[in-house]
Every structure is written in structure tokens, then in C-alpha cells.
Amino acid sequence: MEQTTVSDIVAKDFRAAAIFDKHLIDFCCHGKVSLEEACKKSGVTVDKIQSELALISAADKNTNESYDTWELDRLSEYILQTHHRYIKEAVPVITAHCEKVVFKHGARHPEVIQVKELFQELSEDLTRHMTKEETVLFPYIKVLAQSHREGKPVPIPPFGTIQNPIRMMESEHENAGNSLQAMRLVSGNFMLPPDACATFGVTYQELQRFESDLHKHIHLENNILFPKAIELERKLL
């Protein structure tokens, strides 16, 4: 298992994502590295990760969603209804809380100003990113899936091949991952100062939940949806 990539481990059993999140192991944007390499970078032993993975493997696997077996239109719709919807609902709430924390604590804790600015930049980038997925990439993926089921010809897309928009989306995913890492860095892994108010604590919890959801979101696209869509296009065209 040490040489199996982190993204492959999560693709086979998505419950592993919670373990990697806990140990700050990136399984989405930089997940195509061996478990050994990922552990070394995060400062955790391979044995510890393997023992935690063994626990979830022994658990009831009926609780694990096998996303890699889903039809592509079902998976893309799931991403839209679960992860895109979450971002759209969470961004205004977290933004308001960040502004409140900056107003109350910015003078004593200037790092919260950086956190607010990083989150604002990330949310604006994600809004543009999701619009491209919702209006260009995902509709074409749904056409591919439907054409495959019905045995119909696939129209040639205006972007030539699906690999072109996918390369752009993956690049933007990496930028999003970098923004998440920057927020962790400036906040000391979302460490609350002794004088933090309740809103301060809630905001950091919300940011960590946002980070966790975005990791899962990017993983589903980079490591399952996109490779399968490229493969299906090659098969049909």
C-alpha cells in the first residue's frame, strides 16, 4: 500500500478522506503521490495511516459510496447538487463572519485580515470556476454519458476535445488548493487566540468545513469524473 497513490486510496474508499484531512494530507490537487511520500511530507508515519485505514476497511462497507462506479451524468449532477450548492450557500455566511472577526479582532490579530482576503479571493475564483463547469464542461459530460447509453453520435464540442477545459479546471483546482494552504499557514492551522470570541471560533470551524468539502469536491472531479470523461470521449469519437 505504501506505493499506492493517495488519490487511488480515496477513490476506492472515500472514508479515507477523513483520515487524510485529519493529518493534513492533500488527496485532491496533489494526491497522485505514494502514501509513503505523502506521509513524509506531512510528518506522520505510514504505519499510523495504515492502521487508521485498516479500521475503516474493517467497518461496514455499505456506508461507503462507490463514486467510481456511477454513471458520469449522475456523478456530475451529484457534484452540482452537493458541492456547488454548498459553496454557494456557505460563501456569504463565512464572508460575513470573516468581516465581523476582522472588525473585532483585526487590530490585535492581523492574520484574520489575511484570512478574510484569501477567502474572498478564493470564493471569487470558485464562483467563476463553477460557472464554467455548469455552463460548458458538465453539460458536455452529460451528453457523453447519454450518447453512450443510447448509442447516439456525440457532437463535436466547440473546445475541440474535453481535455482542454479539463486542463483549465485542474489548474484552477490547484490554485484553490494553494489558497486553502495559505489560509492554514497564516492562521497557524486555524489556531484560536486566547481572546477569541464565539464568532471567531465559529468562523474557523466554518473555514475548516469549507476546506474539507472542497477537498472532496476536487477529488471527485480530478480523480474520478475527469479521467473517466476523457476515456469515454476517446471511446465515442
C-alpha atoms as a PDB file:
ATOM      1  CA  MET A   1       0.000   0.000   0.000  1.00  0.00           C
ATOM      2  CA  GLU A   2       2.938   2.361   0.638  1.00  0.00           C
ATOM      3  CA  GLN A   3       3.421   2.896  -3.106  1.00  0.00           C
ATOM      4  CA  THR A   4      -0.305   3.218  -3.889  1.00  0.00           C
ATOM      5  CA  THR A   5      -1.189   6.830  -4.604  1.00  0.00           C
ATOM      6  CA  VAL A   6      -3.193   8.779  -2.069  1.00  0.00           C
ATOM      7  CA  SER A   7      -5.861   9.655  -4.643  1.00  0.00           C
ATOM      8  CA  ASP A   8      -6.290   5.961  -5.545  1.00  0.00           C
ATOM      9  CA  ILE A   9      -6.843   5.069  -1.901  1.00  0.00           C
ATOM     10  CA  VAL A  10      -9.604   7.672  -1.604  1.00  0.00           C
ATOM     11  CA  ALA A  11     -11.131   6.677  -4.947  1.00  0.00           C
ATOM     12  CA  LYS A  12     -11.518   3.104  -3.682  1.00  0.00           C
ATOM     13  CA  ASP A  13     -12.895   4.068  -0.275  1.00  0.00           C
ATOM     14  CA  PHE A  14     -13.935   7.664   0.219  1.00  0.00           C
ATOM     15  CA  ARG A  15     -13.984   7.288   4.008  1.00  0.00           C
ATOM     16  CA  ALA A  16     -10.194   7.515   3.806  1.00  0.00           C
ATOM     17  CA  ALA A  17     -10.602  11.219   3.010  1.00  0.00           C
ATOM     18  CA  ALA A  18     -11.420  11.995   6.655  1.00  0.00           C
ATOM     19  CA  ILE A  19      -8.164  10.363   7.770  1.00  0.00           C
ATOM     20  CA  PHE A  20      -6.089  12.264   5.232  1.00  0.00           C
ATOM     21  CA  ASP A  21      -7.807  15.533   6.160  1.00  0.00           C
ATOM     22  CA  LYS A  22      -7.022  14.945   9.834  1.00  0.00           C
ATOM     23  CA  HIS A  23      -3.330  14.505   9.085  1.00  0.00           C
ATOM     24  CA  LEU A  24      -3.222  17.374   6.535  1.00  0.00           C
ATOM     25  CA  ILE A  25      -2.513  15.041   3.615  1.00  0.00           C
ATOM     26  CA  ASP A  26      -3.694  16.511   0.313  1.00  0.00           C
ATOM     27  CA  PHE A  27      -5.558  13.778  -1.585  1.00  0.00           C
ATOM     28  CA  CYS A  28      -7.073  16.009  -4.276  1.00  0.00           C
ATOM     29  CA  CYS A  29      -4.797  18.524  -6.012  1.00  0.00           C
ATOM     30  CA  HIS A  30      -1.549  16.778  -5.064  1.00  0.00           C
ATOM     31  CA  GLY A  31      -2.908  13.292  -4.489  1.00  0.00           C
ATOM     32  CA  LYS A  32      -1.044  11.488  -7.236  1.00  0.00           C
ATOM     33  CA  VAL A  33       1.877  10.646  -4.954  1.00  0.00           C
ATOM     34  CA  SER A  34       2.597   7.482  -2.989  1.00  0.00           C
ATOM     35  CA  LEU A  35       1.308   7.107   0.533  1.00  0.00           C
ATOM     36  CA  GLU A  36       4.908   6.945   1.704  1.00  0.00           C
ATOM     37  CA  GLU A  37       5.765  10.273   0.067  1.00  0.00           C
ATOM     38  CA  ALA A  38       2.601  11.953   1.324  1.00  0.00           C
ATOM     39  CA  CYS A  39       3.248  10.780   4.894  1.00  0.00           C
ATOM     40  CA  LYS A  40       6.813  12.013   4.794  1.00  0.00           C
ATOM     41  CA  LYS A  41       5.659  15.457   3.657  1.00  0.00           C
ATOM     42  CA  SER A  42       3.004  15.687   6.382  1.00  0.00           C
ATOM     43  CA  GLY A  43       5.207  14.346   9.177  1.00  0.00           C
ATOM     44  CA  VAL A  44       3.128  11.282  10.007  1.00  0.00           C
ATOM     45  CA  THR A  45       4.237   7.654   9.883  1.00  0.00           C
ATOM     46  CA  VAL A  46       2.964   5.281   7.226  1.00  0.00           C
ATOM     47  CA  ASP A  47       2.159   2.743   9.954  1.00  0.00           C
ATOM     48  CA  LYS A  48      -0.178   5.188  11.677  1.00  0.00           C
ATOM     49  CA  ILE A  49      -2.079   5.955   8.486  1.00  0.00           C
ATOM     50  CA  GLN A  50      -2.274   2.290   7.521  1.00  0.00           C
ATOM     51  CA  SER A  51      -3.635   1.343  10.936  1.00  0.00           C
ATOM     52  CA  GLU A  52      -6.344   4.007  10.681  1.00  0.00           C
ATOM     53  CA  LEU A  53      -7.190   2.920   7.139  1.00  0.00           C
ATOM     54  CA  ALA A  54      -7.451  -0.672   8.359  1.00  0.00           C
ATOM     55  CA  LEU A  55     -10.089   0.372  10.859  1.00  0.00           C
ATOM     56  CA  ILE A  56     -12.362   1.826   8.204  1.00  0.00           C
ATOM     57  CA  SER A  57     -11.731  -1.158   5.920  1.00  0.00           C
ATOM     58  CA  ALA A  58     -12.989  -3.433   8.677  1.00  0.00           C
ATOM     59  CA  ALA A  59     -16.106  -1.336   9.139  1.00  0.00           C
ATOM     60  CA  ASP A  60     -19.364  -1.909   7.296  1.00  0.00           C
ATOM     61  CA  LYS A  61     -18.559  -1.048   3.687  1.00  0.00           C
ATOM     62  CA  ASN A  62     -22.229  -0.488   2.966  1.00  0.00           C
ATOM     63  CA  THR A  63     -21.645   3.033   4.280  1.00  0.00           C
ATOM     64  CA  ASN A  64     -19.113   3.797   1.555  1.00  0.00           C
ATOM     65  CA  GLU A  65     -20.257   5.414  -1.665  1.00  0.00           C
ATOM     66  CA  SER A  66     -18.572   3.846  -4.714  1.00  0.00           C
ATOM     67  CA  TYR A  67     -18.482   7.037  -6.752  1.00  0.00           C
ATOM     68  CA  ASP A  68     -16.135   5.458  -9.278  1.00  0.00           C
ATOM     69  CA  THR A  69     -18.939   3.083 -10.361  1.00  0.00           C
ATOM     70  CA  TRP A  70     -21.501   5.829 -11.039  1.00  0.00           C
ATOM     71  CA  GLU A  71     -22.561   6.955 -14.486  1.00  0.00           C
ATOM     72  CA  LEU A  72     -20.857  10.242 -15.350  1.00  0.00           C
ATOM     73  CA  ASP A  73     -24.058  12.256 -15.600  1.00  0.00           C
ATOM     74  CA  ARG A  74     -25.138  11.001 -12.171  1.00  0.00           C
ATOM     75  CA  LEU A  75     -21.756  11.906 -10.666  1.00  0.00           C
ATOM     76  CA  SER A  76     -21.655  15.352 -12.259  1.00  0.00           C
ATOM     77  CA  GLU A  77     -25.191  16.085 -11.043  1.00  0.00           C
ATOM     78  CA  TYR A  78     -24.228  14.931  -7.560  1.00  0.00           C
ATOM     79  CA  ILE A  79     -21.274  17.332  -7.566  1.00  0.00           C
ATOM     80  CA  LEU A  80     -23.554  20.166  -8.666  1.00  0.00           C
ATOM     81  CA  GLN A  81     -26.273  19.478  -6.115  1.00  0.00           C
ATOM     82  CA  THR A  82     -23.928  18.707  -3.227  1.00  0.00           C
ATOM     83  CA  HIS A  83     -20.654  20.608  -3.562  1.00  0.00           C
ATOM     84  CA  HIS A  84     -21.545  23.513  -5.855  1.00  0.00           C
ATOM     85  CA  ARG A  85     -24.683  24.181  -3.844  1.00  0.00           C
ATOM     86  CA  TYR A  86     -22.738  24.051  -0.573  1.00  0.00           C
ATOM     87  CA  ILE A  87     -20.209  26.631  -1.816  1.00  0.00           C
ATOM     88  CA  LYS A  88     -22.943  28.997  -2.977  1.00  0.00           C
ATOM     89  CA  GLU A  89     -24.715  28.767   0.386  1.00  0.00           C
ATOM     90  CA  ALA A  90     -21.585  28.864   2.563  1.00  0.00           C
ATOM     91  CA  VAL A  91     -19.686  31.740   0.942  1.00  0.00           C
ATOM     92  CA  PRO A  92     -21.962  34.630   2.033  1.00  0.00           C
ATOM     93  CA  VAL A  93     -22.210  33.243   5.569  1.00  0.00           C
ATOM     94  CA  ILE A  94     -18.458  32.750   6.002  1.00  0.00           C
ATOM     95  CA  THR A  95     -17.743  36.112   4.357  1.00  0.00           C
ATOM     96  CA  ALA A  96     -19.984  37.911   6.832  1.00  0.00           C
ATOM     97  CA  HIS A  97     -18.361  36.135   9.756  1.00  0.00           C
ATOM     98  CA  CYS A  98     -14.852  36.920   8.471  1.00  0.00           C
ATOM     99  CA  GLU A  99     -15.773  40.607   8.242  1.00  0.00           C
ATOM    100  CA  LYS A 100     -17.103  40.574  11.805  1.00  0.00           C
ATOM    101  CA  VAL A 101     -13.944  38.901  13.117  1.00  0.00           C
ATOM    102  CA  VAL A 102     -11.751  41.427  11.298  1.00  0.00           C
ATOM    103  CA  PHE A 103     -13.772  44.307  12.764  1.00  0.00           C
ATOM    104  CA  LYS A 104     -13.484  42.986  16.327  1.00  0.00           C
ATOM    105  CA  HIS A 105     -10.033  41.365  16.278  1.00  0.00           C
ATOM    106  CA  GLY A 106      -8.134  42.703  13.280  1.00  0.00           C
ATOM    107  CA  ALA A 107      -6.099  45.241  15.248  1.00  0.00           C
ATOM    108  CA  ARG A 108      -4.765  42.626  17.698  1.00  0.00           C
ATOM    109  CA  HIS A 109      -4.679  39.685  15.270  1.00  0.00           C
ATOM    110  CA  PRO A 110      -3.766  40.938  11.781  1.00  0.00           C
ATOM    111  CA  GLU A 111      -3.703  37.367  10.479  1.00  0.00           C
ATOM    112  CA  VAL A 112      -7.511  37.408  10.341  1.00  0.00           C
ATOM    113  CA  ILE A 113      -7.297  40.200   7.764  1.00  0.00           C
ATOM    114  CA  GLN A 114      -5.176  37.930   5.569  1.00  0.00           C
ATOM    115  CA  VAL A 115      -7.594  35.048   6.110  1.00  0.00           C
ATOM    116  CA  LYS A 116     -10.506  37.243   5.049  1.00  0.00           C
ATOM    117  CA  GLU A 117      -8.669  38.440   1.916  1.00  0.00           C
ATOM    118  CA  LEU A 118      -7.602  34.908   0.973  1.00  0.00           C
ATOM    119  CA  PHE A 119     -11.140  33.595   1.414  1.00  0.00           C
ATOM    120  CA  GLN A 120     -12.600  36.431  -0.628  1.00  0.00           C
ATOM    121  CA  GLU A 121     -10.165  35.735  -3.459  1.00  0.00           C
ATOM    122  CA  LEU A 122     -10.846  32.004  -3.268  1.00  0.00           C
ATOM    123  CA  SER A 123     -14.626  32.438  -3.284  1.00  0.00           C
ATOM    124  CA  GLU A 124     -14.493  34.776  -6.287  1.00  0.00           C
ATOM    125  CA  ASP A 125     -12.292  32.329  -8.181  1.00  0.00           C
ATOM    126  CA  LEU A 126     -14.597  29.421  -7.304  1.00  0.00           C
ATOM    127  CA  THR A 127     -17.655  31.336  -8.474  1.00  0.00           C
ATOM    128  CA  ARG A 128     -16.093  31.884 -11.909  1.00  0.00           C
ATOM    129  CA  HIS A 129     -14.809  28.322 -11.936  1.00  0.00           C
ATOM    130  CA  MET A 130     -18.193  26.765 -11.151  1.00  0.00           C
ATOM    131  CA  THR A 131     -19.909  28.871 -13.803  1.00  0.00           C
ATOM    132  CA  LYS A 132     -17.588  27.393 -16.442  1.00  0.00           C
ATOM    133  CA  GLU A 133     -18.251  23.888 -15.196  1.00  0.00           C
ATOM    134  CA  GLU A 134     -22.012  24.395 -15.056  1.00  0.00           C
ATOM    135  CA  THR A 135     -22.371  26.037 -18.479  1.00  0.00           C
ATOM    136  CA  VAL A 136     -19.663  24.308 -20.538  1.00  0.00           C
ATOM    137  CA  LEU A 137     -17.973  21.225 -19.120  1.00  0.00           C
ATOM    138  CA  PHE A 138     -20.673  19.393 -17.197  1.00  0.00           C
ATOM    139  CA  PRO A 139     -23.343  19.701 -19.914  1.00  0.00           C
ATOM    140  CA  TYR A 140     -20.914  18.085 -22.365  1.00  0.00           C
ATOM    141  CA  ILE A 141     -20.109  15.311 -19.889  1.00  0.00           C
ATOM    142  CA  LYS A 142     -23.842  14.623 -19.592  1.00  0.00           C
ATOM    143  CA  VAL A 143     -24.107  14.485 -23.400  1.00  0.00           C
ATOM    144  CA  LEU A 144     -21.257  11.966 -23.474  1.00  0.00           C
ATOM    145  CA  ALA A 145     -22.936   9.754 -20.877  1.00  0.00           C
ATOM    146  CA  GLN A 146     -26.329   9.893 -22.590  1.00  0.00           C
ATOM    147  CA  SER A 147     -24.852   9.243 -26.040  1.00  0.00           C
ATOM    148  CA  HIS A 148     -23.005   6.216 -24.694  1.00  0.00           C
ATOM    149  CA  ARG A 149     -26.160   4.730 -23.175  1.00  0.00           C
ATOM    150  CA  GLU A 150     -28.313   5.384 -26.229  1.00  0.00           C
ATOM    151  CA  GLY A 151     -25.720   4.588 -28.866  1.00  0.00           C
ATOM    152  CA  LYS A 152     -26.043   8.033 -30.452  1.00  0.00           C
ATOM    153  CA  PRO A 153     -23.245  10.057 -32.095  1.00  0.00           C
ATOM    154  CA  VAL A 154     -21.526  12.694 -29.999  1.00  0.00           C
ATOM    155  CA  PRO A 155     -21.476  16.271 -31.337  1.00  0.00           C
ATOM    156  CA  ILE A 156     -18.019  17.783 -31.722  1.00  0.00           C
ATOM    157  CA  PRO A 157     -17.622  20.338 -28.915  1.00  0.00           C
ATOM    158  CA  PRO A 158     -16.540  23.929 -29.656  1.00  0.00           C
ATOM    159  CA  PHE A 159     -13.477  23.422 -27.437  1.00  0.00           C
ATOM    160  CA  GLY A 160     -12.145  20.621 -29.653  1.00  0.00           C
ATOM    161  CA  THR A 161     -11.664  17.951 -27.004  1.00  0.00           C
ATOM    162  CA  ILE A 162     -12.780  17.660 -23.410  1.00  0.00           C
ATOM    163  CA  GLN A 163      -9.140  17.591 -22.353  1.00  0.00           C
ATOM    164  CA  ASN A 164      -8.878  21.349 -22.996  1.00  0.00           C
ATOM    165  CA  PRO A 165     -11.446  22.571 -20.439  1.00  0.00           C
ATOM    166  CA  ILE A 166     -10.386  19.820 -18.037  1.00  0.00           C
ATOM    167  CA  ARG A 167      -6.797  21.063 -18.074  1.00  0.00           C
ATOM    168  CA  MET A 168      -8.084  24.530 -17.214  1.00  0.00           C
ATOM    169  CA  MET A 169     -10.298  23.204 -14.408  1.00  0.00           C
ATOM    170  CA  GLU A 170      -7.439  21.179 -12.917  1.00  0.00           C
ATOM    171  CA  SER A 171      -5.170  24.218 -12.987  1.00  0.00           C
ATOM    172  CA  GLU A 172      -7.818  26.240 -11.179  1.00  0.00           C
ATOM    173  CA  HIS A 173      -8.256  23.410  -8.674  1.00  0.00           C
ATOM    174  CA  GLU A 174      -4.572  23.611  -7.886  1.00  0.00           C
ATOM    175  CA  ASN A 175      -4.871  27.355  -7.335  1.00  0.00           C
ATOM    176  CA  ALA A 176      -7.767  26.724  -4.947  1.00  0.00           C
ATOM    177  CA  GLY A 177      -5.690  24.168  -3.058  1.00  0.00           C
ATOM    178  CA  ASN A 178      -2.880  26.698  -2.744  1.00  0.00           C
ATOM    179  CA  SER A 179      -5.317  29.247  -1.316  1.00  0.00           C
ATOM    180  CA  LEU A 180      -6.502  26.739   1.288  1.00  0.00           C
ATOM    181  CA  GLN A 181      -2.906  26.014   2.277  1.00  0.00           C
ATOM    182  CA  ALA A 182      -2.199  29.742   2.549  1.00  0.00           C
ATOM    183  CA  MET A 183      -5.163  30.196   4.908  1.00  0.00           C
ATOM    184  CA  ARG A 184      -3.888  27.398   7.113  1.00  0.00           C
ATOM    185  CA  LEU A 185      -0.409  28.873   7.121  1.00  0.00           C
ATOM    186  CA  VAL A 186      -1.380  32.418   8.135  1.00  0.00           C
ATOM    187  CA  SER A 187      -3.868  31.173  10.751  1.00  0.00           C
ATOM    188  CA  GLY A 188      -1.498  28.625  12.309  1.00  0.00           C
ATOM    189  CA  ASN A 189      -3.760  25.762  11.237  1.00  0.00           C
ATOM    190  CA  PHE A 190      -6.813  27.738  12.381  1.00  0.00           C
ATOM    191  CA  MET A 191      -5.477  28.110  15.915  1.00  0.00           C
ATOM    192  CA  LEU A 192      -7.694  30.357  18.040  1.00  0.00           C
ATOM    193  CA  PRO A 193      -6.033  33.016  20.220  1.00  0.00           C
ATOM    194  CA  PRO A 194      -6.927  33.106  23.941  1.00  0.00           C
ATOM    195  CA  ASP A 195      -9.143  36.175  23.473  1.00  0.00           C
ATOM    196  CA  ALA A 196     -11.155  34.706  20.589  1.00  0.00           C
ATOM    197  CA  CYS A 197     -14.872  35.362  20.746  1.00  0.00           C
ATOM    198  CA  ALA A 198     -17.577  32.858  19.787  1.00  0.00           C
ATOM    199  CA  THR A 199     -17.819  34.227  16.247  1.00  0.00           C
ATOM    200  CA  PHE A 200     -14.055  33.825  15.864  1.00  0.00           C
ATOM    201  CA  GLY A 201     -14.334  30.146  16.790  1.00  0.00           C
ATOM    202  CA  VAL A 202     -17.333  29.550  14.555  1.00  0.00           C
ATOM    203  CA  THR A 203     -15.580  31.214  11.614  1.00  0.00           C
ATOM    204  CA  TYR A 204     -12.530  28.989  11.875  1.00  0.00           C
ATOM    205  CA  GLN A 205     -14.781  25.920  12.162  1.00  0.00           C
ATOM    206  CA  GLU A 206     -16.670  27.036   9.048  1.00  0.00           C
ATOM    207  CA  LEU A 207     -13.412  27.533   7.147  1.00  0.00           C
ATOM    208  CA  GLN A 208     -12.235  24.052   8.079  1.00  0.00           C
ATOM    209  CA  ARG A 209     -15.528  22.563   6.951  1.00  0.00           C
ATOM    210  CA  PHE A 210     -15.254  24.554   3.708  1.00  0.00           C
ATOM    211  CA  GLU A 211     -11.729  23.211   3.213  1.00  0.00           C
ATOM    212  CA  SER A 212     -12.838  19.617   3.844  1.00  0.00           C
ATOM    213  CA  ASP A 213     -15.768  19.898   1.439  1.00  0.00           C
ATOM    214  CA  LEU A 214     -13.596  21.461  -1.271  1.00  0.00           C
ATOM    215  CA  HIS A 215     -11.027  18.663  -0.911  1.00  0.00           C
ATOM    216  CA  LYS A 216     -13.775  16.080  -1.505  1.00  0.00           C
ATOM    217  CA  HIS A 217     -15.216  18.166  -4.348  1.00  0.00           C
ATOM    218  CA  ILE A 218     -11.876  18.430  -6.154  1.00  0.00           C
ATOM    219  CA  HIS A 219     -11.093  14.772  -5.571  1.00  0.00           C
ATOM    220  CA  LEU A 220     -14.338  13.647  -7.209  1.00  0.00           C
ATOM    221  CA  GLU A 221     -13.556  15.755 -10.271  1.00  0.00           C
ATOM    222  CA  ASN A 222      -9.789  15.353 -10.647  1.00  0.00           C
ATOM    223  CA  ASN A 223      -9.522  11.673  -9.786  1.00  0.00           C
ATOM    224  CA  ILE A 224     -12.837  10.181 -10.919  1.00  0.00           C
ATOM    225  CA  LEU A 225     -15.059  12.369 -13.128  1.00  0.00           C
ATOM    226  CA  PHE A 226     -12.414  13.937 -15.364  1.00  0.00           C
ATOM    227  CA  PRO A 227     -10.336  10.809 -16.164  1.00  0.00           C
ATOM    228  CA  LYS A 228     -13.492   8.825 -16.915  1.00  0.00           C
ATOM    229  CA  ALA A 229     -14.870  11.621 -19.122  1.00  0.00           C
ATOM    230  CA  ILE A 230     -11.625  11.758 -21.125  1.00  0.00           C
ATOM    231  CA  GLU A 231     -11.709   7.989 -21.533  1.00  0.00           C
ATOM    232  CA  LEU A 232     -15.355   7.997 -22.622  1.00  0.00           C
ATOM    233  CA  GLU A 233     -14.776  10.772 -25.176  1.00  0.00           C
ATOM    234  CA  ARG A 234     -11.898   8.806 -26.694  1.00  0.00           C
ATOM    235  CA  LYS A 235     -14.145   5.783 -26.926  1.00  0.00           C
ATOM    236  CA  LEU A 236     -17.006   7.625 -28.623  1.00  0.00           C
ATOM    237  CA  LEU A 237     -15.188   9.971 -31.017  1.00  0.00           C
END
